N, C-alpha and C. Protein backbone atom coordinates (compact mmCIF):
# COMPACT_ATOMS: atom_id res chain seq x y z
N MET A 1 0.85 -1.17 0.00
CA MET A 1 0.00 0.00 0.00
C MET A 1 0.89 1.23 0.00
N VAL A 2 0.49 2.25 -0.72
CA VAL A 2 1.26 3.47 -0.83
C VAL A 2 0.81 4.44 0.25
N ASP A 3 1.79 4.98 0.99
CA ASP A 3 1.47 5.99 1.99
C ASP A 3 1.38 7.34 1.30
N ARG A 4 0.28 8.02 1.54
CA ARG A 4 0.10 9.33 0.95
C ARG A 4 -0.09 10.35 2.04
N LYS A 5 0.57 11.46 1.89
CA LYS A 5 0.43 12.55 2.84
C LYS A 5 -0.73 13.43 2.42
N VAL A 6 -1.68 13.59 3.31
CA VAL A 6 -2.85 14.41 3.02
C VAL A 6 -2.65 15.77 3.64
N THR A 7 -2.70 16.78 2.81
CA THR A 7 -2.59 18.16 3.31
C THR A 7 -3.77 18.96 2.81
N ARG A 8 -4.19 19.88 3.61
CA ARG A 8 -5.28 20.76 3.21
C ARG A 8 -4.68 21.98 2.54
N ARG A 9 -5.33 22.38 1.47
CA ARG A 9 -4.85 23.54 0.74
C ARG A 9 -5.94 24.59 0.69
N SER A 10 -5.52 25.80 0.70
CA SER A 10 -6.48 26.88 0.53
C SER A 10 -6.68 27.12 -0.96
N SER A 11 -7.65 27.90 -1.30
CA SER A 11 -7.92 28.16 -2.71
C SER A 11 -6.76 28.90 -3.38
N ASN A 12 -6.00 29.67 -2.60
CA ASN A 12 -4.85 30.38 -3.16
C ASN A 12 -3.74 29.40 -3.54
N ASP A 13 -3.60 28.29 -2.81
CA ASP A 13 -2.57 27.31 -3.11
C ASP A 13 -2.81 26.64 -4.46
N VAL A 14 -4.07 26.44 -4.81
CA VAL A 14 -4.38 25.78 -6.07
C VAL A 14 -3.95 26.66 -7.24
N ASP A 15 -4.16 27.95 -7.14
CA ASP A 15 -3.81 28.86 -8.22
C ASP A 15 -2.30 29.03 -8.36
N ASN A 16 -1.55 28.85 -7.28
CA ASN A 16 -0.11 29.10 -7.29
C ASN A 16 0.73 27.83 -7.33
N ARG A 17 0.18 26.73 -7.79
CA ARG A 17 0.93 25.48 -7.80
C ARG A 17 2.04 25.52 -8.84
N THR A 18 3.20 25.03 -8.46
CA THR A 18 4.33 24.98 -9.38
C THR A 18 4.74 23.55 -9.69
N ASP A 19 4.10 22.55 -9.03
CA ASP A 19 4.50 21.17 -9.23
C ASP A 19 3.80 20.52 -10.42
N ILE A 20 2.97 21.26 -11.14
CA ILE A 20 2.27 20.71 -12.28
C ILE A 20 3.12 20.93 -13.52
N GLU A 21 3.40 19.83 -14.22
CA GLU A 21 4.18 19.95 -15.44
C GLU A 21 3.26 20.40 -16.58
N PRO A 22 3.76 21.25 -17.43
CA PRO A 22 2.92 21.66 -18.57
C PRO A 22 2.77 20.50 -19.54
N MET A 23 1.59 20.39 -20.13
CA MET A 23 1.35 19.33 -21.10
C MET A 23 1.99 19.71 -22.42
N THR A 24 2.57 18.73 -23.07
CA THR A 24 3.11 18.96 -24.40
C THR A 24 2.25 18.20 -25.39
N PHE A 25 2.07 18.77 -26.54
CA PHE A 25 1.19 18.19 -27.54
C PHE A 25 1.96 17.98 -28.84
N ASN A 26 1.62 16.92 -29.52
CA ASN A 26 2.12 16.65 -30.86
C ASN A 26 0.95 16.69 -31.81
N SER A 27 1.21 16.99 -33.03
CA SER A 27 0.18 16.95 -34.05
C SER A 27 0.36 15.67 -34.84
N ASP A 28 -0.69 14.86 -34.91
CA ASP A 28 -0.58 13.60 -35.65
C ASP A 28 -0.89 13.83 -37.12
N SER A 29 -1.01 12.76 -37.89
CA SER A 29 -1.21 12.87 -39.33
C SER A 29 -2.53 13.54 -39.70
N THR A 30 -3.50 13.55 -38.77
CA THR A 30 -4.78 14.19 -39.07
C THR A 30 -4.75 15.68 -38.79
N GLY A 31 -3.67 16.17 -38.19
CA GLY A 31 -3.57 17.58 -37.87
C GLY A 31 -4.16 17.92 -36.52
N LEU A 32 -4.68 16.91 -35.80
CA LEU A 32 -5.25 17.15 -34.49
C LEU A 32 -4.17 17.01 -33.42
N ALA A 33 -4.25 17.81 -32.39
CA ALA A 33 -3.27 17.75 -31.33
C ALA A 33 -3.59 16.60 -30.38
N SER A 34 -2.56 15.90 -29.95
CA SER A 34 -2.75 14.84 -28.96
C SER A 34 -1.64 14.94 -27.94
N GLU A 35 -1.94 14.54 -26.73
CA GLU A 35 -0.97 14.63 -25.66
C GLU A 35 0.15 13.62 -25.90
N VAL A 36 1.37 14.04 -25.68
CA VAL A 36 2.53 13.18 -25.88
C VAL A 36 2.49 12.03 -24.89
N GLY A 37 2.68 10.82 -25.38
CA GLY A 37 2.76 9.66 -24.50
C GLY A 37 1.42 9.13 -24.06
N SER A 38 0.32 9.70 -24.54
CA SER A 38 -0.98 9.19 -24.12
C SER A 38 -1.51 8.22 -25.17
N PHE A 39 -2.25 7.23 -24.72
CA PHE A 39 -2.88 6.28 -25.63
C PHE A 39 -4.28 6.78 -25.89
N ASP A 40 -4.60 6.98 -27.14
CA ASP A 40 -5.87 7.60 -27.49
C ASP A 40 -6.82 6.62 -28.15
N GLY A 41 -6.94 5.40 -27.60
CA GLY A 41 -7.90 4.45 -28.13
C GLY A 41 -7.33 3.63 -29.27
N LEU A 42 -8.18 3.34 -30.23
CA LEU A 42 -7.80 2.49 -31.36
C LEU A 42 -6.88 3.23 -32.32
N PRO A 43 -6.04 2.48 -33.02
CA PRO A 43 -5.24 3.13 -34.08
C PRO A 43 -6.16 3.61 -35.20
N SER A 44 -5.66 4.50 -36.03
CA SER A 44 -6.49 5.17 -37.03
C SER A 44 -7.32 4.25 -37.92
N PRO A 45 -6.77 3.23 -38.57
CA PRO A 45 -7.65 2.44 -39.46
C PRO A 45 -8.78 1.77 -38.70
N GLN A 46 -8.50 1.20 -37.54
CA GLN A 46 -9.54 0.54 -36.76
C GLN A 46 -10.54 1.55 -36.20
N ARG A 47 -10.07 2.72 -35.87
CA ARG A 47 -10.96 3.76 -35.35
C ARG A 47 -12.01 4.14 -36.38
N TYR A 48 -11.61 4.28 -37.63
CA TYR A 48 -12.56 4.65 -38.68
C TYR A 48 -13.57 3.55 -38.93
N TRP A 49 -13.13 2.30 -38.89
CA TRP A 49 -14.07 1.19 -39.05
C TRP A 49 -15.05 1.15 -37.88
N ALA A 50 -14.58 1.42 -36.67
CA ALA A 50 -15.47 1.44 -35.51
C ALA A 50 -16.49 2.57 -35.63
N MET A 51 -16.05 3.74 -36.09
CA MET A 51 -16.99 4.84 -36.26
C MET A 51 -18.03 4.53 -37.33
N LEU A 52 -17.59 3.89 -38.42
CA LEU A 52 -18.52 3.51 -39.47
C LEU A 52 -19.54 2.49 -38.97
N THR A 53 -19.07 1.53 -38.19
CA THR A 53 -19.96 0.50 -37.64
C THR A 53 -21.00 1.12 -36.71
N ILE A 54 -20.57 2.02 -35.86
CA ILE A 54 -21.50 2.69 -34.93
C ILE A 54 -22.49 3.56 -35.71
N ALA A 55 -21.99 4.25 -36.74
CA ALA A 55 -22.89 5.09 -37.54
C ALA A 55 -23.94 4.25 -38.26
N LEU A 56 -23.54 3.08 -38.76
CA LEU A 56 -24.52 2.20 -39.42
C LEU A 56 -25.56 1.69 -38.43
N ALA A 57 -25.13 1.34 -37.22
CA ALA A 57 -26.08 0.87 -36.21
C ALA A 57 -27.06 1.97 -35.82
N VAL A 58 -26.57 3.18 -35.62
CA VAL A 58 -27.45 4.30 -35.29
C VAL A 58 -28.39 4.58 -36.46
N GLY A 59 -27.88 4.50 -37.68
CA GLY A 59 -28.72 4.71 -38.85
C GLY A 59 -29.83 3.67 -38.96
N MET A 60 -29.50 2.40 -38.69
CA MET A 60 -30.54 1.36 -38.72
C MET A 60 -31.60 1.61 -37.67
N THR A 61 -31.19 2.07 -36.50
CA THR A 61 -32.15 2.35 -35.43
C THR A 61 -33.06 3.51 -35.80
N VAL A 62 -32.49 4.54 -36.38
CA VAL A 62 -33.30 5.70 -36.80
C VAL A 62 -34.28 5.29 -37.89
N ILE A 63 -33.81 4.50 -38.85
CA ILE A 63 -34.70 4.05 -39.93
C ILE A 63 -35.84 3.21 -39.37
N ASP A 64 -35.55 2.34 -38.39
CA ASP A 64 -36.61 1.55 -37.77
C ASP A 64 -37.65 2.43 -37.10
N GLY A 65 -37.19 3.47 -36.42
CA GLY A 65 -38.13 4.40 -35.78
C GLY A 65 -38.97 5.16 -36.79
N VAL A 66 -38.35 5.57 -37.89
CA VAL A 66 -39.09 6.28 -38.94
C VAL A 66 -40.13 5.37 -39.57
N VAL A 67 -39.76 4.12 -39.83
CA VAL A 67 -40.71 3.18 -40.42
C VAL A 67 -41.90 2.98 -39.50
N ALA A 68 -41.65 2.86 -38.21
CA ALA A 68 -42.75 2.69 -37.25
C ALA A 68 -43.66 3.92 -37.25
N ASN A 69 -43.07 5.11 -37.31
CA ASN A 69 -43.88 6.34 -37.31
C ASN A 69 -44.66 6.51 -38.59
N VAL A 70 -44.07 6.15 -39.72
CA VAL A 70 -44.76 6.31 -41.01
C VAL A 70 -45.88 5.29 -41.15
N ALA A 71 -45.65 4.07 -40.71
CA ALA A 71 -46.66 3.02 -40.86
C ALA A 71 -47.75 3.08 -39.80
N LEU A 72 -47.53 3.83 -38.74
CA LEU A 72 -48.45 3.85 -37.61
C LEU A 72 -49.88 4.28 -37.98
N PRO A 73 -50.10 5.34 -38.74
CA PRO A 73 -51.48 5.72 -39.06
C PRO A 73 -52.25 4.63 -39.83
N THR A 74 -51.57 4.00 -40.76
CA THR A 74 -52.22 2.94 -41.54
C THR A 74 -52.55 1.74 -40.67
N ILE A 75 -51.61 1.36 -39.84
CA ILE A 75 -51.84 0.22 -38.94
C ILE A 75 -52.97 0.52 -37.97
N ALA A 76 -52.98 1.74 -37.41
CA ALA A 76 -54.03 2.12 -36.46
C ALA A 76 -55.41 2.11 -37.13
N ARG A 77 -55.47 2.59 -38.36
CA ARG A 77 -56.73 2.60 -39.08
C ARG A 77 -57.21 1.18 -39.38
N ASP A 78 -56.31 0.28 -39.80
CA ASP A 78 -56.68 -1.10 -40.10
C ASP A 78 -57.13 -1.86 -38.86
N VAL A 79 -56.49 -1.58 -37.74
CA VAL A 79 -56.82 -2.29 -36.50
C VAL A 79 -58.00 -1.64 -35.79
N GLY A 80 -58.24 -0.35 -36.08
CA GLY A 80 -59.33 0.36 -35.42
C GLY A 80 -58.93 0.93 -34.07
N ALA A 81 -57.66 1.24 -33.92
CA ALA A 81 -57.18 1.78 -32.65
C ALA A 81 -57.30 3.30 -32.64
N SER A 82 -57.48 3.85 -31.47
CA SER A 82 -57.56 5.30 -31.32
C SER A 82 -56.15 5.89 -31.45
N PRO A 83 -56.05 7.19 -31.76
CA PRO A 83 -54.72 7.80 -31.85
C PRO A 83 -53.93 7.71 -30.54
N ALA A 84 -54.63 7.84 -29.42
CA ALA A 84 -53.94 7.76 -28.12
C ALA A 84 -53.38 6.35 -27.88
N ALA A 85 -54.12 5.35 -28.30
CA ALA A 85 -53.64 3.98 -28.12
C ALA A 85 -52.54 3.64 -29.12
N SER A 86 -52.62 4.19 -30.32
CA SER A 86 -51.64 3.84 -31.34
C SER A 86 -50.28 4.49 -31.09
N ILE A 87 -50.27 5.62 -30.42
CA ILE A 87 -48.98 6.27 -30.14
C ILE A 87 -48.13 5.45 -29.18
N TRP A 88 -48.78 4.56 -28.44
CA TRP A 88 -48.04 3.71 -27.51
C TRP A 88 -47.14 2.71 -28.24
N VAL A 89 -47.40 2.47 -29.52
CA VAL A 89 -46.50 1.62 -30.30
C VAL A 89 -45.12 2.26 -30.37
N VAL A 90 -45.09 3.55 -30.70
CA VAL A 90 -43.82 4.27 -30.77
C VAL A 90 -43.21 4.41 -29.38
N ASN A 91 -44.03 4.70 -28.38
CA ASN A 91 -43.52 4.82 -27.02
C ASN A 91 -42.92 3.49 -26.54
N ALA A 92 -43.58 2.39 -26.84
CA ALA A 92 -43.06 1.08 -26.42
C ALA A 92 -41.74 0.78 -27.12
N TYR A 93 -41.62 1.16 -28.37
CA TYR A 93 -40.36 0.95 -29.11
C TYR A 93 -39.23 1.73 -28.45
N GLN A 94 -39.48 3.00 -28.15
CA GLN A 94 -38.45 3.83 -27.52
C GLN A 94 -38.13 3.35 -26.11
N LEU A 95 -39.14 2.94 -25.36
CA LEU A 95 -38.90 2.42 -24.01
C LEU A 95 -38.06 1.14 -24.05
N ALA A 96 -38.34 0.27 -25.01
CA ALA A 96 -37.56 -0.96 -25.13
C ALA A 96 -36.09 -0.66 -25.41
N LEU A 97 -35.83 0.33 -26.25
CA LEU A 97 -34.44 0.70 -26.53
C LEU A 97 -33.76 1.27 -25.30
N VAL A 98 -34.43 2.17 -24.61
CA VAL A 98 -33.83 2.82 -23.44
C VAL A 98 -33.63 1.83 -22.29
N ILE A 99 -34.61 0.96 -22.08
CA ILE A 99 -34.52 -0.01 -20.99
C ILE A 99 -33.40 -1.01 -21.23
N SER A 100 -33.11 -1.31 -22.48
CA SER A 100 -32.07 -2.31 -22.78
C SER A 100 -30.66 -1.73 -22.75
N LEU A 101 -30.50 -0.42 -22.70
CA LEU A 101 -29.16 0.16 -22.75
C LEU A 101 -28.26 -0.25 -21.59
N LEU A 102 -28.71 -0.06 -20.37
CA LEU A 102 -27.85 -0.36 -19.22
C LEU A 102 -27.55 -1.85 -19.05
N PRO A 103 -28.54 -2.74 -19.13
CA PRO A 103 -28.19 -4.16 -19.01
C PRO A 103 -27.26 -4.66 -20.11
N LEU A 104 -27.48 -4.19 -21.33
CA LEU A 104 -26.62 -4.65 -22.42
C LEU A 104 -25.23 -4.04 -22.34
N SER A 105 -25.11 -2.82 -21.85
CA SER A 105 -23.77 -2.26 -21.68
C SER A 105 -23.03 -2.97 -20.56
N SER A 106 -23.73 -3.34 -19.51
CA SER A 106 -23.11 -4.12 -18.44
C SER A 106 -22.68 -5.50 -18.94
N LEU A 107 -23.54 -6.12 -19.73
CA LEU A 107 -23.19 -7.41 -20.32
C LEU A 107 -22.02 -7.27 -21.29
N GLY A 108 -21.94 -6.13 -21.97
CA GLY A 108 -20.80 -5.86 -22.84
C GLY A 108 -19.50 -5.76 -22.08
N ASP A 109 -19.54 -5.20 -20.85
CA ASP A 109 -18.35 -5.17 -20.01
C ASP A 109 -17.89 -6.59 -19.67
N ILE A 110 -18.84 -7.48 -19.45
CA ILE A 110 -18.52 -8.84 -19.03
C ILE A 110 -18.11 -9.71 -20.22
N VAL A 111 -18.92 -9.74 -21.26
CA VAL A 111 -18.73 -10.67 -22.37
C VAL A 111 -17.87 -10.06 -23.48
N GLY A 112 -18.01 -8.78 -23.68
CA GLY A 112 -17.30 -8.10 -24.77
C GLY A 112 -18.29 -7.35 -25.63
N TYR A 113 -17.93 -6.13 -25.97
CA TYR A 113 -18.85 -5.28 -26.73
C TYR A 113 -19.07 -5.81 -28.15
N ARG A 114 -18.05 -6.41 -28.74
CA ARG A 114 -18.20 -6.92 -30.10
C ARG A 114 -19.24 -8.02 -30.15
N LYS A 115 -19.20 -8.93 -29.18
CA LYS A 115 -20.18 -10.03 -29.16
C LYS A 115 -21.60 -9.50 -28.96
N ILE A 116 -21.76 -8.53 -28.09
CA ILE A 116 -23.08 -7.94 -27.85
C ILE A 116 -23.57 -7.23 -29.10
N TYR A 117 -22.70 -6.49 -29.77
CA TYR A 117 -23.07 -5.79 -30.99
C TYR A 117 -23.48 -6.77 -32.08
N GLN A 118 -22.69 -7.81 -32.27
CA GLN A 118 -23.00 -8.80 -33.30
C GLN A 118 -24.29 -9.54 -32.97
N GLY A 119 -24.50 -9.88 -31.70
CA GLY A 119 -25.74 -10.55 -31.31
C GLY A 119 -26.95 -9.65 -31.51
N GLY A 120 -26.82 -8.37 -31.19
CA GLY A 120 -27.92 -7.42 -31.42
C GLY A 120 -28.23 -7.25 -32.89
N SER A 121 -27.19 -7.21 -33.72
CA SER A 121 -27.42 -7.10 -35.17
C SER A 121 -28.11 -8.34 -35.71
N ARG A 122 -27.72 -9.50 -35.24
CA ARG A 122 -28.38 -10.74 -35.68
C ARG A 122 -29.83 -10.78 -35.22
N PHE A 123 -30.07 -10.35 -33.99
CA PHE A 123 -31.44 -10.33 -33.46
C PHE A 123 -32.31 -9.37 -34.27
N LEU A 124 -31.76 -8.22 -34.63
CA LEU A 124 -32.50 -7.25 -35.43
C LEU A 124 -32.81 -7.81 -36.81
N ARG A 125 -31.84 -8.50 -37.43
CA ARG A 125 -32.10 -9.12 -38.73
C ARG A 125 -33.17 -10.20 -38.62
N LEU A 126 -33.14 -10.95 -37.54
CA LEU A 126 -34.16 -11.99 -37.33
C LEU A 126 -35.55 -11.36 -37.21
N LEU A 127 -35.65 -10.29 -36.45
CA LEU A 127 -36.95 -9.61 -36.30
C LEU A 127 -37.41 -9.02 -37.63
N ARG A 128 -36.48 -8.46 -38.39
CA ARG A 128 -36.87 -7.89 -39.68
C ARG A 128 -37.37 -8.96 -40.63
N SER A 129 -36.75 -10.13 -40.60
CA SER A 129 -37.22 -11.20 -41.48
C SER A 129 -38.56 -11.76 -41.00
N ALA A 130 -38.81 -11.70 -39.69
CA ALA A 130 -40.10 -12.17 -39.17
C ALA A 130 -41.23 -11.23 -39.57
N VAL A 131 -40.92 -9.96 -39.79
CA VAL A 131 -41.94 -9.00 -40.19
C VAL A 131 -42.45 -9.29 -41.60
N ARG A 132 -41.65 -9.96 -42.39
CA ARG A 132 -42.06 -10.29 -43.76
C ARG A 132 -43.25 -11.25 -43.79
N TYR A 133 -43.42 -12.00 -42.74
CA TYR A 133 -44.50 -12.99 -42.67
C TYR A 133 -45.46 -12.61 -41.54
N PRO A 134 -46.34 -11.66 -41.78
CA PRO A 134 -47.21 -11.18 -40.71
C PRO A 134 -48.24 -12.24 -40.31
N ILE A 135 -48.66 -12.15 -39.08
CA ILE A 135 -49.68 -13.05 -38.57
C ILE A 135 -51.04 -12.41 -38.87
N ARG A 136 -51.92 -13.16 -39.48
CA ARG A 136 -53.26 -12.66 -39.80
C ARG A 136 -54.22 -13.08 -38.70
N PHE A 137 -54.87 -12.09 -38.11
CA PHE A 137 -55.89 -12.36 -37.11
C PHE A 137 -57.26 -12.26 -37.76
N SER A 138 -58.09 -13.24 -37.52
CA SER A 138 -59.45 -13.17 -38.09
C SER A 138 -60.39 -12.51 -37.08
N ARG A 139 -61.37 -11.80 -37.59
CA ARG A 139 -62.32 -11.13 -36.69
C ARG A 139 -63.57 -11.91 -36.53
């Protein structure tokens, strides 16, 4: 265990500190400044692929929400649902996304984010293919 000396400082001591080394910055190939000696995540090629992957996932989610909003009036009219009841379709979709964020991020810490992302993408593809074969209810 490391012994640390705890001292109380006044607000004037914080402004007059001399033991802080100034940060030095380098400019990388992108022209952005980065702190010398710091690890800034993924290397450039992998970073761009990760950003593209995340952008595609967000895009798929937005498109799913738009499809639900556009199809909602037609579905509500065919089913005979009131506008107040039909808006709960969109609310339930958004609630399902928000409720799943924390458990899935925790599971990502345990199992790995890549596995969770790939499993979610497969699950979404499975649901999309199931939508192609709607269940017909008779009245």
